[in-house]
Protein backbone atom coordinates (compact mmCIF):
# COMPACT_ATOMS: atom_id res chain seq x y z
CA MET A 1 -52.46 3.02 -16.71
CA SER A 2 -50.61 6.12 -18.00
CA ARG A 3 -49.84 7.36 -21.37
CA LEU A 4 -46.41 7.25 -21.56
CA ALA A 5 -44.99 9.57 -23.97
CA TYR A 6 -42.37 8.71 -26.19
CA HIS A 7 -40.35 10.41 -29.04
CA LYS A 8 -38.31 8.58 -31.09
CA MET A 9 -34.93 9.57 -31.36
CA THR A 10 -32.20 9.82 -34.14
CA ARG A 11 -29.93 7.21 -34.76
CA ARG A 12 -27.40 9.57 -34.51
CA ARG A 13 -28.38 10.69 -30.87
CA LEU A 14 -28.46 7.16 -29.68
CA LEU A 15 -25.48 6.05 -30.97
CA LYS A 16 -23.33 9.37 -29.77
CA GLY A 17 -24.51 8.41 -26.41
CA ALA A 18 -23.24 5.12 -26.73
CA VAL A 19 -19.94 6.53 -28.20
CA LEU A 20 -19.81 8.72 -25.11
CA GLY A 21 -20.55 6.51 -22.36
CA PHE A 22 -22.91 7.18 -19.91
CA PRO A 23 -22.09 6.58 -16.02
CA VAL A 24 -22.23 3.11 -15.52
CA PHE A 25 -19.58 1.31 -12.86
CA ALA A 26 -17.82 -1.06 -14.91
CA ALA A 27 -17.61 -4.38 -13.92
CA GLY A 28 -16.17 -5.69 -10.60
CA SER A 29 -16.83 -2.55 -8.88
CA LEU A 30 -20.23 -1.01 -7.93
CA ILE A 31 -22.14 -3.44 -10.58
CA GLY A 32 -20.00 -6.27 -8.83
CA ALA A 33 -20.97 -5.10 -5.51
CA CYS A 34 -24.70 -5.01 -6.60
CA ALA A 35 -24.63 -8.62 -8.42
CA PRO A 36 -25.09 -11.80 -6.79
CA ALA A 37 -22.14 -12.99 -4.49
CA ALA A 38 -20.25 -15.48 -6.64
CA ALA A 39 -16.48 -15.68 -7.59
CA PRO A 40 -16.24 -13.34 -10.77
CA VAL A 41 -16.95 -14.81 -13.43
CA PRO A 42 -15.82 -13.67 -16.79
CA THR A 43 -18.22 -12.38 -19.19
CA ALA A 44 -18.52 -14.06 -22.55
CA LYS A 45 -18.74 -11.45 -25.53
CA PRO A 46 -22.13 -12.29 -27.07
CA GLU A 47 -22.58 -12.21 -30.98
CA ALA A 48 -21.95 -8.43 -32.69
CA THR A 49 -25.56 -8.73 -34.14
CA LYS A 50 -27.31 -10.23 -31.48
CA PRO A 51 -27.54 -10.57 -27.54
CA GLN A 52 -27.33 -14.53 -26.44
CA GLN A 53 -31.10 -16.11 -24.84
CA THR A 54 -29.98 -17.41 -21.62
CA THR A 55 -32.36 -20.62 -22.09
CA GLY A 56 -32.02 -23.20 -25.25
CA ALA A 57 -34.83 -22.74 -27.35
CA PRO A 58 -36.80 -25.95 -28.19
CA THR A 59 -37.61 -26.66 -31.87
CA GLN A 60 -41.04 -26.04 -30.94
CA ALA A 61 -42.41 -23.84 -28.59
CA PRO A 62 -44.59 -24.71 -26.00
CA ALA A 63 -48.02 -23.59 -26.10
CA LYS A 64 -48.88 -20.81 -23.84
CA PRO A 65 -51.78 -20.09 -21.69
CA ALA A 66 -54.41 -17.74 -23.08
CA GLY A 67 -53.77 -14.24 -22.27
CA THR A 68 -49.91 -15.18 -21.62
CA VAL A 69 -47.80 -11.53 -21.78
CA THR A 70 -44.07 -12.09 -23.06
CA LEU A 71 -41.55 -9.50 -21.75
CA GLU A 72 -38.33 -10.03 -23.68
CA THR A 73 -36.04 -8.70 -20.76
CA TRP A 74 -32.15 -7.71 -21.10
CA THR A 75 -29.88 -8.21 -18.22
CA HIS A 76 -26.30 -7.90 -17.33
CA PHE A 77 -25.85 -10.70 -15.29
CA ALA A 78 -23.65 -13.70 -16.45
CA GLY A 79 -22.02 -16.90 -14.91
CA ALA A 80 -23.05 -17.61 -11.40
CA ASN A 81 -24.63 -14.30 -11.30
CA LEU A 82 -27.05 -15.26 -14.03
CA GLU A 83 -27.97 -18.71 -12.50
CA VAL A 84 -29.22 -16.95 -9.06
CA LEU A 85 -30.84 -14.66 -11.36
CA ASN A 86 -32.39 -16.86 -12.99
CA GLN A 87 -33.69 -19.25 -10.35
CA PHE A 88 -35.63 -16.46 -8.82
CA LEU A 89 -37.19 -15.52 -12.37
CA GLY A 90 -38.17 -19.27 -12.46
CA GLU A 91 -39.68 -18.58 -8.88
CA PHE A 92 -41.98 -15.63 -10.42
CA LYS A 93 -42.98 -17.58 -12.92
CA LYS A 94 -44.62 -19.95 -10.19
CA ASP A 95 -46.50 -17.19 -8.84
CA ASN A 96 -47.20 -15.62 -12.33
CA ALA A 97 -47.93 -18.22 -14.73
CA ASP A 98 -49.30 -15.89 -17.45
CA ILE A 99 -46.24 -14.27 -17.66
CA GLU A 100 -43.50 -15.07 -20.04
CA LEU A 101 -39.86 -13.81 -19.41
CA ASN A 102 -37.57 -14.06 -22.15
CA LEU A 103 -34.40 -13.82 -20.60
CA VAL A 104 -31.43 -11.99 -22.59
CA ALA A 105 -28.17 -12.32 -21.09
CA VAL A 106 -25.73 -9.07 -22.49
CA GLY A 107 -22.20 -8.40 -21.22
CA ALA A 108 -22.31 -5.37 -18.33
CA GLY A 109 -19.56 -3.73 -20.80
CA GLU A 110 -21.16 -3.79 -23.73
CA ILE A 111 -25.07 -3.57 -22.75
CA GLN A 112 -26.21 -0.21 -22.92
CA ALA A 113 -24.60 0.42 -26.30
CA LYS A 114 -26.57 -2.49 -27.79
CA LEU A 115 -29.83 -1.76 -26.09
CA LEU A 116 -29.24 2.28 -27.74
CA THR A 117 -28.51 0.49 -31.08
CA ALA A 118 -31.49 -1.42 -30.56
CA VAL A 119 -33.91 1.61 -29.64
CA ALA A 120 -32.70 3.23 -32.75
CA GLY A 121 -32.97 0.20 -35.08
CA GLY A 122 -36.91 0.60 -33.77
CA ALA A 123 -36.49 -3.03 -31.78
CA PRO A 124 -35.85 -2.43 -28.19
CA PRO A 125 -36.55 -5.09 -25.47
CA ASP A 126 -39.30 -4.58 -22.90
CA VAL A 127 -37.41 -4.64 -19.60
CA TYR A 128 -33.90 -3.99 -19.12
CA HIS A 129 -32.18 -4.93 -16.01
CA LEU A 130 -29.90 -1.89 -15.54
CA PRO A 131 -26.76 -1.22 -13.91
CA GLY A 132 -25.23 1.45 -11.69
CA ASN A 133 -27.60 4.32 -11.88
CA ILE A 134 -30.42 5.48 -14.18
CA PRO A 135 -27.98 7.54 -16.69
CA PRO A 136 -29.64 10.71 -17.16
CA GLU A 137 -29.41 10.66 -21.18
CA LEU A 138 -32.34 7.17 -20.96
CA ALA A 139 -34.60 9.76 -19.10
CA ARG A 140 -34.31 12.38 -20.89
CA ASP A 141 -34.24 10.98 -24.35
CA LYS A 142 -37.13 9.40 -23.93
CA VAL A 143 -35.35 5.68 -24.05
CA LEU A 144 -37.16 4.55 -20.85
CA ALA A 145 -40.62 5.13 -19.67
CA PRO A 146 -41.56 6.79 -16.39
CA LEU A 147 -42.80 4.25 -14.02
CA ASP A 148 -45.11 6.58 -11.18
CA ASP A 149 -48.83 5.81 -12.68
CA ILE A 150 -47.63 2.16 -13.63
CA VAL A 151 -46.06 0.22 -10.67
CA LYS A 152 -47.87 0.06 -7.38
CA LEU A 153 -45.17 -1.57 -4.70
CA PRO A 154 -46.51 -3.22 -1.79
CA VAL A 155 -43.75 -1.28 0.60
CA PRO A 156 -41.99 1.86 0.10
CA ILE A 157 -38.35 1.39 -1.26
CA LEU A 158 -35.87 3.10 0.76
CA LYS A 159 -34.76 6.51 -0.17
CA ALA A 160 -30.94 5.75 -0.88
CA PHE A 161 -31.86 4.47 -4.22
CA ASP A 162 -34.21 7.93 -5.15
CA GLY A 163 -30.86 9.63 -5.95
CA ALA A 164 -29.86 6.47 -8.50
CA THR A 165 -33.59 6.26 -10.13
CA ILE A 166 -35.31 9.51 -9.98
CA ARG A 167 -35.27 12.49 -12.83
CA GLU A 168 -36.52 15.36 -12.45
CA GLY A 169 -39.04 14.04 -10.28
CA ARG A 170 -40.19 11.00 -11.95
CA GLN A 171 -39.54 7.16 -11.14
CA TYR A 172 -37.34 5.43 -13.82
CA GLY A 173 -36.39 2.46 -11.91
CA ILE A 174 -37.40 0.16 -9.43
CA ALA A 175 -34.30 -1.54 -7.43
CA VAL A 176 -33.37 -5.23 -7.74
CA GLN A 177 -30.70 -4.25 -4.79
CA GLY A 178 -28.29 -2.03 -3.61
CA GLY A 179 -24.56 -1.85 -3.44
CA LEU A 180 -21.97 0.48 -1.68
CA GLY A 181 -18.52 0.99 -0.75
CA ALA A 182 -17.03 0.22 2.88
CA MET A 183 -14.06 -0.62 4.48
CA ALA A 184 -12.60 -4.21 5.39
CA TYR A 185 -9.97 -4.86 7.71
CA ASN A 186 -7.42 -7.84 8.31
CA LYS A 187 -8.01 -8.06 11.96
CA ASP A 188 -5.07 -10.65 12.14
CA LEU A 189 -2.95 -7.69 10.84
CA LEU A 190 -4.57 -4.96 12.64
CA ASP A 191 -4.08 -7.08 16.36
CA ALA A 192 -0.67 -8.05 15.68
CA ALA A 193 0.44 -4.18 15.28
CA GLY A 194 -1.24 -2.95 18.67
CA VAL A 195 -4.06 -1.75 16.75
CA THR A 196 -7.24 -2.42 19.30
CA LYS A 197 -9.94 -0.28 17.54
CA VAL A 198 -11.39 -0.27 13.74
CA PRO A 199 -10.29 2.97 12.42
CA ASP A 200 -13.42 5.51 12.34
CA THR A 201 -11.73 9.04 11.05
CA TRP A 202 -9.03 9.38 8.35
CA ASP A 203 -6.54 10.60 11.17
CA GLU A 204 -7.29 6.64 12.99
CA LEU A 205 -6.67 4.94 9.46
CA VAL A 206 -3.31 6.84 9.08
CA ASP A 207 -2.08 6.01 12.55
CA ALA A 208 -3.45 2.05 11.77
CA GLY A 209 -1.73 1.94 8.73
CA LEU A 210 1.75 3.03 9.91
CA LYS A 211 1.50 0.59 12.46
CA VAL A 212 0.39 -2.48 10.07
CA THR A 213 3.04 -1.38 7.43
CA LYS A 214 6.56 -3.24 7.16
CA ALA A 215 7.39 -2.21 3.59
CA GLY A 216 10.24 -4.13 3.68
CA GLN A 217 8.29 -7.39 4.21
CA GLY A 218 5.82 -6.76 1.08
CA GLN A 219 3.06 -5.46 4.17
CA TRP A 220 1.00 -2.56 3.87
CA GLY A 221 -1.66 -0.96 5.65
CA ILE A 222 -3.73 0.33 3.16
CA ALA A 223 -4.43 -0.40 -0.82
CA PHE A 224 -6.43 2.14 -2.52
CA PRO A 225 -7.44 2.56 -5.73
CA ASN A 226 -5.54 5.36 -8.05
CA ALA A 227 -5.97 4.07 -11.78
CA GLY A 228 -7.60 7.07 -13.78
CA ASP A 229 -10.89 5.30 -14.34
CA SER A 230 -14.54 5.22 -13.14
CA ASN A 231 -13.64 2.68 -10.23
CA THR A 232 -11.41 5.00 -8.58
CA ALA A 233 -13.29 7.98 -9.06
CA GLY A 234 -16.30 6.24 -6.70
CA GLN A 235 -13.90 5.84 -4.14
CA VAL A 236 -12.43 8.80 -4.71
CA ARG A 237 -16.28 10.55 -4.00
CA SER A 238 -16.52 8.52 -1.22
CA LEU A 239 -13.57 10.06 0.94
CA LEU A 240 -14.94 13.53 -0.86
CA MET A 241 -18.40 13.00 0.82
CA ALA A 242 -16.70 12.31 4.11
CA ALA A 243 -15.06 15.68 3.87
CA GLY A 244 -18.52 17.35 3.19
CA SER A 245 -18.54 17.83 -0.53
CA ASP A 246 -18.84 16.22 -4.01
CA VAL A 247 -18.09 16.35 -7.29
CA MET A 248 -20.45 19.02 -8.42
CA THR A 249 -21.63 22.14 -7.27
CA PRO A 250 -24.97 21.87 -5.18
CA ASP A 251 -26.95 23.16 -8.20
CA LEU A 252 -25.20 20.77 -10.32
CA LYS A 253 -24.45 23.20 -12.87
CA GLN A 254 -20.61 22.86 -12.71
CA PRO A 255 -18.04 20.38 -11.50
CA ALA A 256 -16.81 21.42 -7.99
CA PHE A 257 -12.90 20.17 -8.19
CA ASN A 258 -11.85 23.97 -6.95
CA THR A 259 -13.28 23.60 -3.32
CA PRO A 260 -10.99 23.31 -0.06
CA GLU A 261 -12.87 19.75 0.67
CA MET A 262 -11.65 18.59 -2.63
CA LEU A 263 -8.31 19.69 -2.02
CA GLU A 264 -8.19 18.20 0.96
CA THR A 265 -9.24 14.93 -0.34
CA PHE A 266 -6.83 15.09 -2.77
CA GLN A 267 -4.15 15.84 -0.33
CA PHE A 268 -4.86 12.91 1.78
CA GLY A 269 -4.88 10.43 -0.93
CA VAL A 270 -1.35 11.70 -1.74
CA ASP A 271 -0.18 12.10 1.90
CA LEU A 272 -1.20 7.98 1.98
CA VAL A 273 0.98 7.04 -0.70
CA GLN A 274 3.99 9.60 -0.58
CA LYS A 275 4.33 11.05 3.25
CA TYR A 276 2.89 8.14 5.38
CA LYS A 277 3.85 5.33 3.03
CA VAL A 278 1.25 3.14 4.35
CA ASN A 279 -0.06 2.50 0.30
CA PRO A 280 2.05 1.18 -2.45
CA GLN A 281 3.24 3.51 -5.07
CA LYS A 282 2.21 1.80 -7.82
CA SER A 283 -1.27 2.17 -10.55
CA TYR A 284 -3.96 0.04 -9.15
CA ALA A 285 -7.03 -0.61 -10.59
CA GLN A 286 -10.27 -1.28 -7.82
CA LEU A 287 -10.06 -5.11 -8.48
CA GLN A 288 -6.53 -5.20 -8.52
CA THR A 289 -6.66 -3.61 -4.55
CA TYR A 290 -9.20 -6.44 -3.66
CA ASN A 291 -6.87 -9.30 -4.85
CA ASP A 292 -3.76 -8.32 -3.26
CA TYR A 293 -6.01 -7.67 0.06
CA THR A 294 -7.23 -11.31 -0.34
CA THR A 295 -3.42 -12.36 0.03
CA GLY A 296 -3.36 -11.32 3.78
CA LYS A 297 -0.65 -8.55 3.10
CA PHE A 298 -2.80 -5.49 3.64
CA GLY A 299 -4.51 -3.75 6.80
CA ALA A 300 -7.21 -2.45 4.74
CA CYS A 301 -9.35 -1.77 1.61
CA MET A 302 -12.59 -0.37 0.83
CA LEU A 303 -14.87 -3.07 -0.93
CA PHE A 304 -18.08 -3.70 -1.89
CA PRO A 305 -20.91 -6.27 -0.21
CA ALA A 306 -20.69 -8.97 -2.87
CA TRP A 307 -17.11 -9.81 -2.19
CA LEU A 308 -17.79 -11.25 1.52
CA LEU A 309 -18.94 -14.49 0.44
CA GLN A 310 -15.55 -14.92 -0.72
CA LEU A 311 -13.29 -13.35 2.31
CA LYS A 312 -15.48 -15.94 4.51
CA THR A 313 -13.10 -18.55 3.08
CA GLY A 314 -10.24 -16.37 3.64
CA LYS A 315 -7.21 -17.37 5.66
CA PHE A 316 -7.29 -14.38 7.64
CA LYS A 317 -10.37 -12.72 9.81
CA THR A 318 -12.14 -9.31 8.20
CA VAL A 319 -13.74 -7.18 9.82
CA THR A 320 -16.07 -4.27 7.83
CA ALA A 321 -16.62 -0.59 8.98
CA GLU A 322 -18.28 2.27 7.58
CA MET A 323 -15.80 4.74 5.76
CA PRO A 324 -13.75 6.27 8.05
CA LYS A 325 -15.19 10.47 8.41
CA ARG A 326 -13.76 13.52 8.37
CA LYS A 327 -16.01 16.01 8.71
CA THR A 328 -18.80 13.70 8.48
CA ARG A 329 -19.38 10.10 6.47
CA GLY A 330 -20.09 9.37 2.66
CA THR A 331 -20.13 7.02 0.62
CA ALA A 332 -20.75 6.42 -3.36
CA PHE A 333 -24.07 4.34 -4.05
CA ALA A 334 -25.05 2.10 -7.41
CA GLY A 335 -27.52 -0.69 -7.62
CA ASN A 336 -29.22 -3.10 -10.20
CA TYR A 337 -32.94 -1.86 -11.14
CA TRP A 338 -35.69 -2.94 -13.31
CA THR A 339 -36.68 -0.54 -16.13
CA LEU A 340 -39.51 -0.26 -18.80
CA LEU A 341 -38.83 0.76 -22.05
CA ALA A 342 -40.39 3.59 -23.00
CA ALA A 343 -41.82 2.35 -26.24
CA VAL A 344 -43.88 -0.57 -24.72
CA LYS A 345 -47.10 0.79 -24.79
CA ASP A 346 -49.39 -2.17 -24.20
CA PRO A 347 -51.21 -2.14 -20.59
CA GLY A 348 -50.87 -5.79 -20.66
CA LYS A 349 -46.77 -5.32 -20.48
CA GLN A 350 -46.96 -2.88 -18.30
CA GLN A 351 -49.57 -4.48 -16.05
CA ALA A 352 -46.89 -7.54 -16.10
CA PHE A 353 -43.74 -5.25 -15.59
CA SER A 354 -45.98 -3.83 -12.28
CA ARG A 355 -46.00 -7.13 -11.05
CA LEU A 356 -42.72 -8.32 -11.59
CA VAL A 357 -41.53 -5.49 -9.64
CA ALA A 358 -44.12 -5.49 -7.02
CA TRP A 359 -43.05 -9.49 -6.43
CA TRP A 360 -39.18 -8.58 -6.25
CA THR A 361 -39.37 -5.82 -3.74
CA ASP A 362 -42.19 -7.74 -1.31
CA PRO A 363 -39.98 -8.20 1.76
CA LYS A 364 -40.57 -12.14 1.70
CA ASN A 365 -38.91 -12.39 -1.84
CA ASN A 366 -36.16 -9.54 -1.29
CA SER A 367 -35.47 -10.68 1.60
CA ARG A 368 -33.98 -14.50 -0.08
CA TRP A 369 -32.20 -12.19 -2.69
CA CYS A 370 -29.93 -10.14 -0.65
CA ALA A 371 -29.10 -13.05 1.85
CA ALA A 372 -28.58 -15.15 -1.44
CA THR A 373 -26.73 -12.38 -3.25
CA TYR A 374 -25.16 -10.24 -0.26
CA GLY A 375 -27.07 -7.08 -2.18
CA LEU A 376 -28.31 -4.45 -0.17
CA PRO A 377 -31.98 -4.49 0.90
CA THR A 378 -34.45 -2.33 -1.20
CA THR A 379 -36.89 -1.51 2.09
CA GLU A 380 -36.61 -1.07 5.71
CA ALA A 381 -39.01 -3.83 5.75
CA THR A 382 -37.06 -6.30 3.91
CA VAL A 383 -33.92 -5.32 6.55
CA LYS A 384 -36.36 -6.47 9.45
CA THR A 385 -37.67 -9.75 7.90
CA ASP A 386 -36.74 -12.77 10.38
CA VAL A 387 -34.75 -14.21 6.97
CA TYR A 388 -32.88 -11.28 6.70
CA GLN A 389 -32.05 -10.68 10.31
CA LYS A 390 -30.87 -14.67 10.37
CA PHE A 391 -28.32 -13.63 7.39
CA LEU A 392 -26.98 -10.48 9.39
CA LYS A 393 -26.18 -12.90 12.35
CA GLU A 394 -24.30 -15.62 10.36
CA ASP A 395 -22.68 -12.85 8.86
CA PRO A 396 -22.06 -9.64 10.72
CA ASN A 397 -20.12 -8.04 8.12
CA ALA A 398 -22.74 -6.94 6.04
CA LYS A 399 -24.36 -4.79 9.01
CA ALA A 400 -21.70 -2.30 8.03
CA PHE A 401 -22.98 -1.74 3.91
CA VAL A 402 -26.76 -1.77 5.61
CA ASP A 403 -25.74 1.45 8.06
CA SER A 404 -24.08 3.43 5.35
CA MET A 405 -27.00 2.95 3.43
CA ALA A 406 -28.24 5.93 5.69
CA TYR A 407 -25.98 8.86 4.25
CA ALA A 408 -25.06 6.75 0.57
CA SER A 409 -25.20 8.96 -2.61
CA ALA A 410 -25.77 7.98 -6.41
CA THR A 411 -24.13 9.63 -9.05
CA PRO A 412 -25.39 12.78 -9.38
CA PRO A 413 -28.20 13.19 -12.57
CA VAL A 414 -26.29 14.92 -14.58
CA ILE A 415 -25.98 14.63 -18.05
CA GLY A 416 -22.29 14.15 -19.14
CA ILE A 417 -21.51 13.29 -15.59
CA SER A 418 -18.88 9.95 -16.78
CA GLY A 419 -16.35 12.48 -18.23
CA VAL A 420 -16.65 14.30 -15.06
CA LEU A 421 -15.85 11.45 -13.18
CA LEU A 422 -13.74 10.25 -15.85
CA ALA A 423 -11.73 13.68 -15.27
CA LEU A 424 -11.69 13.24 -11.36
CA ALA A 425 -9.57 9.90 -11.82
CA ARG A 426 -7.23 11.18 -14.18
CA ALA A 427 -6.09 13.94 -11.54
CA TRP A 428 -6.15 11.66 -8.68
CA GLU A 429 -4.17 9.60 -10.76
CA ALA A 430 -1.55 12.12 -11.57
CA ALA A 431 -1.11 13.63 -8.14
CA VAL A 432 -0.96 10.57 -6.13
CA LEU A 433 1.61 8.86 -9.11
CA GLY A 434 2.68 11.71 -11.35
CA ASN A 435 4.00 13.87 -8.72
CA THR A 436 1.69 16.49 -9.79
CA ALA A 437 0.93 19.10 -7.19
CA PRO A 438 -3.10 18.31 -6.00
CA LYS A 439 -3.73 22.47 -6.64
CA ASP A 440 -2.15 21.66 -10.28
CA ALA A 441 -3.94 18.35 -11.04
CA LEU A 442 -7.36 19.73 -9.85
CA ALA A 443 -7.03 22.74 -11.54
CA ALA A 444 -6.62 20.56 -14.92
CA GLY A 445 -9.19 18.27 -13.82
CA GLN A 446 -11.59 21.07 -13.36
CA LYS A 447 -10.98 22.43 -16.93
CA GLU A 448 -11.35 18.83 -18.21
CA ALA A 449 -14.55 18.17 -16.26
CA ALA A 450 -15.81 21.32 -17.65
CA ASP A 451 -15.56 20.99 -21.04
CA ALA A 452 -16.53 17.01 -20.91
CA LEU A 453 -19.66 18.43 -19.12
CA ALA A 454 -20.41 20.82 -21.94
CA LYS A 455 -20.20 18.75 -24.80
CA ALA A 456 -22.34 16.59 -23.30
CA GLN A 457 -25.00 19.11 -22.93
CA ARG A 458 -24.57 20.56 -26.58
């Protein structure tokens, strides 16, 4: 076992991080993408002072076997998602009777702030089931333990997860599953409009949108989000990567809003609404685009794998494809991760955590988990299992998401990236809906992003 360096953080610094917000996608975007596939269930707010335990505590706790190790584990899952997680944790318990997992459910929108408060108060959980990507602040401030010398996995994790979990060469999380964006197309509308080929490029997407759109009948070619929030930023990043760039400079020191690729991406978004008029000119949050797509009146939208189960019961046929390319392909990536708090010094707890993540990434377990949840597999060995191959045959729409793993990119591991992404989304909203010229919207966005970055890194 490694000796984990842990330095106490001041309460002021921790709570500052909670207020500023770390780069975690909100429920219904990439978190929803990576969570078990079930109809979205509203998350009940836990008590303000204490997260809710998911299982009722008996009046007298049963005696535990000698040598039992207990891991207090916080999760952001709720509702049906939590039920699936509990089911698999029950299976883990059968295989590991000497490990007790005390699972506590905290709302996705609250879990990180509550975690920071618990750390500042000296009473953090042992394990944090983390959504999205590993915030670099949690590594810098020694909230999470580096896992390189603790975890021994049976098979290597896919490289797509590295950008979400590795900070300064050290591993801070082990993937439970992945999620990313791909395109969904209403095959019935495409067929009726004479579109015989699923769009593969931006130009083909516009062409298909023009053929499908019948604005007077409330029928549209595309539903893309444009609200100034982090969900929109994730989709803009996917388009931007297809144009050959990203939100940060290659050295990750400055926002990269002033590039030709960024301007091209913004002009494309504006043209979809204002020039080609294949996307309604109204404020769209990401979840609203999906809801509108399910009405059967939209030809295309970007979605995440967790939504595929619901679409199977729709009144129209959906086909999926990788994000359309410009110069290349790109898509924003996120996932769910097991992480260990740096305060955990007990070798027994460290070993129990290692066994937990090894069990979860074992192909025979991970294949069943991903098939049940529509999360993306964590290893190539999982993809090749009979269980997962059978799943792909039963729902071939999942294949586009698996294929996209080859080039998917996690949120840049930059302290203050949440402010950069918010500035990007606000600039997009100003250009697409506010009639601000893309060049001017990007200039204002560059300044806002640079200011946010500087403030976070002080």
